[in-house]
Protein backbone atom coordinates (compact mmCIF):
# COMPACT_ATOMS: atom_id res chain seq x y z
CA MET A 1 14.28 -39.60 13.62
CA GLU A 2 16.70 -39.95 16.52
CA ILE A 3 17.80 -36.52 17.74
CA SER A 4 19.98 -37.48 20.72
CA PRO A 5 23.17 -38.05 18.63
CA PHE A 6 22.90 -34.45 17.43
CA LEU A 7 22.24 -32.78 20.80
CA GLY A 8 25.83 -31.60 21.27
CA ASN A 9 25.96 -30.08 17.81
CA ILE A 10 22.52 -28.52 18.29
CA GLY A 11 23.76 -26.87 21.48
CA SER A 12 26.73 -25.41 19.60
CA ALA A 13 24.52 -24.11 16.82
CA VAL A 14 22.09 -22.54 19.29
CA ALA A 15 24.95 -20.82 21.12
CA VAL A 16 26.32 -19.43 17.85
CA TYR A 17 22.87 -18.19 16.84
CA LEU A 18 22.22 -16.57 20.22
CA VAL A 19 25.50 -14.64 20.13
CA ALA A 20 24.90 -13.57 16.53
CA THR A 21 21.34 -12.45 17.26
CA MET A 22 22.20 -10.44 20.36
CA SER A 23 25.24 -8.74 18.82
CA PRO A 24 24.84 -5.23 17.36
CA GLY A 25 23.54 -5.17 13.82
CA PRO A 26 21.29 -3.02 11.63
CA GLY A 27 18.17 -4.92 12.71
CA ASN A 28 18.80 -4.59 16.43
CA LEU A 29 19.85 -0.97 16.02
CA ALA A 30 16.62 -0.14 14.17
CA ILE A 31 14.52 -1.86 16.83
CA MET A 32 16.24 0.01 19.65
CA SER A 33 16.12 3.45 18.06
CA VAL A 34 12.49 3.17 16.93
CA ALA A 35 11.41 1.79 20.32
CA MET A 36 12.98 4.75 22.16
CA ARG A 37 11.73 7.31 19.66
CA SER A 38 8.24 6.02 18.87
CA GLY A 39 7.32 3.65 21.70
CA ARG A 40 6.71 -0.03 22.35
CA SER A 41 4.17 -0.68 19.59
CA ALA A 42 6.43 0.76 16.89
CA GLY A 43 9.47 -1.11 18.23
CA LEU A 44 7.58 -4.41 18.25
CA ARG A 45 6.45 -3.86 14.67
CA VAL A 46 10.03 -3.31 13.53
CA ALA A 47 11.00 -6.43 15.50
CA THR A 48 8.21 -8.39 13.81
CA GLY A 49 9.57 -7.39 10.40
CA VAL A 50 13.07 -8.53 11.37
CA ILE A 51 11.66 -11.79 12.76
CA THR A 52 9.71 -12.47 9.56
CA ALA A 53 12.77 -11.97 7.37
CA SER A 54 14.86 -14.11 9.73
CA LEU A 55 12.39 -16.99 9.38
CA PHE A 56 12.42 -16.60 5.59
CA TRP A 57 16.21 -16.89 5.39
CA GLY A 58 16.19 -19.76 7.88
CA LEU A 59 13.75 -21.74 5.73
CA VAL A 60 15.78 -20.91 2.62
CA ALA A 61 18.87 -22.37 4.30
CA ALA A 62 17.05 -25.44 5.68
CA SER A 63 15.62 -26.29 2.26
CA GLY A 64 19.02 -26.01 0.61
CA LEU A 65 18.10 -23.01 -1.52
CA SER A 66 20.99 -21.02 -0.07
CA ILE A 67 23.17 -22.85 -2.60
CA LEU A 68 21.48 -20.79 -5.29
CA ILE A 69 22.58 -17.63 -3.49
CA ALA A 70 26.19 -18.75 -3.77
CA ILE A 71 25.74 -19.66 -7.45
CA TYR A 72 23.89 -16.59 -8.69
CA ARG A 73 26.26 -14.01 -7.27
CA GLY A 74 25.13 -11.27 -9.64
CA ILE A 75 21.55 -11.33 -8.36
CA THR A 76 22.77 -11.66 -4.79
CA ALA A 77 25.10 -8.69 -5.20
CA ALA A 78 22.23 -6.56 -6.52
CA ILE A 79 20.11 -7.45 -3.48
CA VAL A 80 22.99 -6.64 -1.14
CA VAL A 81 23.60 -3.27 -2.82
CA PHE A 82 19.90 -2.45 -2.49
CA GLY A 83 20.04 -3.35 1.19
CA GLY A 84 23.14 -1.23 1.66
CA LEU A 85 21.49 1.75 0.00
CA TYR A 86 18.40 1.38 2.17
CA ILE A 87 20.48 1.27 5.33
CA GLY A 88 22.32 4.32 4.00
CA PHE A 89 18.94 6.05 3.77
CA LEU A 90 18.32 5.18 7.42
CA ALA A 91 21.71 6.73 8.23
CA TYR A 92 20.64 9.92 6.44
CA ARG A 93 17.41 10.05 8.47
CA ALA A 94 19.34 9.56 11.72
CA PHE A 95 21.82 12.32 10.87
CA ARG A 96 18.96 14.61 9.84
CA SER A 97 17.21 14.01 13.16
CA PHE A 98 20.45 14.73 15.03
CA TRP A 99 21.05 17.95 13.09
CA ARG A 100 17.52 19.23 13.69
CA ALA A 101 17.86 18.63 17.41
CA TRP A 102 21.34 20.19 17.45
CA ILE A 103 20.22 23.45 15.85
CA GLY A 104 17.03 23.58 17.88
CA ILE A 105 14.35 22.59 15.36
CA ALA A 106 11.45 20.91 17.15
CA VAL A 107 11.15 17.25 16.24
CA PRO A 108 7.79 15.54 16.88
CA SER A 109 7.77 12.83 19.51
CA GLY A 110 7.10 9.59 17.72
CA ASP A 111 7.24 8.81 14.04
CA SER A 112 4.15 10.66 12.88
CA VAL A 113 5.00 10.22 9.22
CA GLN A 114 5.58 6.47 9.43
CA SER A 115 2.61 4.12 9.65
CA ASP A 116 2.41 0.84 11.54
CA LEU A 117 2.93 -0.97 8.25
CA GLY A 118 5.91 1.29 7.55
CA HIS A 119 7.61 0.21 10.78
CA TYR A 120 7.01 -3.46 9.94
CA LEU A 121 8.36 -3.01 6.40
CA GLN A 122 11.41 -1.19 7.78
CA GLY A 123 12.38 -4.21 9.87
CA LEU A 124 11.52 -6.59 7.03
CA ALA A 125 13.60 -4.68 4.47
CA ILE A 126 16.66 -4.36 6.70
CA HIS A 127 16.91 -8.11 7.29
CA LEU A 128 15.47 -9.35 4.01
CA ALA A 129 17.91 -7.33 1.91
CA ASN A 130 20.84 -9.19 3.44
CA PRO A 131 21.29 -12.63 1.80
CA LYS A 132 24.27 -13.26 4.06
CA SER A 133 21.68 -14.20 6.68
CA ALA A 134 20.86 -17.31 4.64
CA LEU A 135 24.54 -18.24 4.53
CA ALA A 136 24.78 -17.76 8.29
CA TRP A 137 21.79 -20.04 8.78
CA SER A 138 23.43 -22.59 6.46
CA ALA A 139 26.59 -22.51 8.58
CA MET A 140 24.58 -23.25 11.73
CA ILE A 141 22.77 -26.13 10.06
CA ALA A 142 26.13 -27.49 8.88
CA ILE A 143 27.30 -27.48 12.52
CA VAL A 144 24.39 -29.75 13.45
CA LEU A 145 24.40 -32.25 10.59
CA GLU A 146 27.08 -34.90 10.43
CA PRO A 147 28.36 -35.84 6.95
CA GLY A 148 26.12 -38.54 5.48
CA SER A 149 23.51 -38.26 8.23
CA ALA A 150 19.92 -39.08 7.28
CA ALA A 151 17.94 -36.50 9.22
CA PRO A 152 15.95 -34.48 6.68
CA LEU A 153 13.76 -32.78 9.28
CA LEU A 154 16.60 -31.77 11.60
CA PRO A 155 17.48 -28.52 9.75
CA PHE A 156 13.88 -27.34 10.09
CA LEU A 157 13.86 -28.21 13.79
CA VAL A 158 17.06 -26.20 14.26
CA VAL A 159 15.52 -23.25 12.39
CA ALA A 160 12.35 -23.46 14.49
CA GLY A 161 14.25 -23.53 17.79
CA CYS A 162 16.64 -20.74 16.85
CA TRP A 163 13.82 -18.65 15.41
CA ILE A 164 11.89 -18.87 18.69
CA MET A 165 14.98 -17.59 20.48
CA GLY A 166 15.22 -14.84 17.90
CA VAL A 167 11.63 -13.82 18.63
CA MET A 168 12.49 -13.48 22.32
CA VAL A 169 15.70 -11.52 21.62
CA PHE A 170 14.26 -9.08 19.08
CA CYS A 171 11.03 -8.49 21.01
CA GLY A 172 13.10 -8.20 24.19
CA TYR A 173 15.08 -5.35 22.65
CA ALA A 174 11.81 -3.61 21.72
CA LEU A 175 10.38 -4.02 25.22
CA VAL A 176 13.52 -2.95 27.08
CA PHE A 177 14.22 0.12 24.97
CA SER A 178 10.57 1.25 24.99
CA SER A 179 10.45 1.39 28.79
CA HIS A 180 9.51 4.70 30.41
CA GLY A 181 13.07 5.20 31.62
CA MET A 182 14.59 4.69 28.17
CA ILE A 183 12.01 6.94 26.47
CA ALA A 184 12.57 9.66 29.08
CA TRP A 185 16.32 9.36 28.60
CA TYR A 186 15.89 9.55 24.82
CA GLN A 187 13.82 12.73 25.12
CA HIS A 188 16.81 14.45 26.76
CA ARG A 189 19.72 12.69 25.04
CA GLY A 190 18.09 11.31 21.92
CA HIS A 191 20.12 13.42 19.50
CA TRP A 192 23.27 11.56 20.57
CA VAL A 193 21.47 8.25 19.93
CA ASP A 194 20.58 9.52 16.46
CA LEU A 195 24.21 10.49 15.82
CA PHE A 196 25.47 7.09 17.00
CA SER A 197 22.79 5.32 14.93
CA GLY A 198 23.76 7.35 11.86
CA VAL A 199 27.41 6.40 12.24
CA LEU A 200 26.61 2.69 12.66
CA PHE A 201 24.09 2.65 9.82
CA THR A 202 26.71 4.29 7.61
CA PHE A 203 29.22 1.60 8.60
CA PHE A 204 26.74 -1.21 7.85
CA SER A 205 25.80 0.40 4.53
CA ILE A 206 29.41 0.72 3.39
CA GLN A 207 30.18 -2.80 4.58
CA LEU A 208 27.32 -4.30 2.55
CA ILE A 209 28.01 -2.35 -0.63
CA ALA A 210 31.77 -2.89 -0.46
CA GLY A 211 31.19 -6.59 0.23
CA ALA A 212 28.96 -6.90 -2.84
CA GLY A 213 31.63 -5.26 -4.96
CA SER A 214 34.47 -7.42 -3.65
CA GLY A 215 32.48 -10.62 -4.03
CA TYR A 216 32.75 -11.89 -0.45
CA ILE A 217 29.00 -12.64 -0.28
């Protein structure tokens, strides 16, 4: 398979993916907040969950299964609503943490009630419960492939390359926000981070649920 004719389109797709991955979203927000609150290991586990779900949706798009998501809108809408409700639960937890700190209730450092597996599943659920990720992957693959081109392996190569960049971005967020400086800052100003996280999680939750109801997915 000759890849050189597609290099320009691949560059465009990679740029789109990089901007989308680095932009604020529920996955990145969860990684950052957990990394500051519970440390590097917890942040990396949330990142690993997000990375796993990202690969899943990328493979779904590369194999053409994302067409089924567009066809079976009822099932897709149910998944989106579930994802919106889960993110709404994360908003509740963030607001609760902010309120406890505001009224002076001691909050344990670190997520003592959440296991390592729980952190991984948190990242997995946030990204997996958003089928729009598969449609985004499909759009990037469409940028690369020319109409009528015979390059069956190219979508999987695009997914592999973009996914590797995603690993670096998501893990980079976990490493940066779990630094000693960020953790020390969080210990003094963390309640404002929780408030901001709660507001954003609420926005993402409403956006997902409203989108499922309006049929834009």
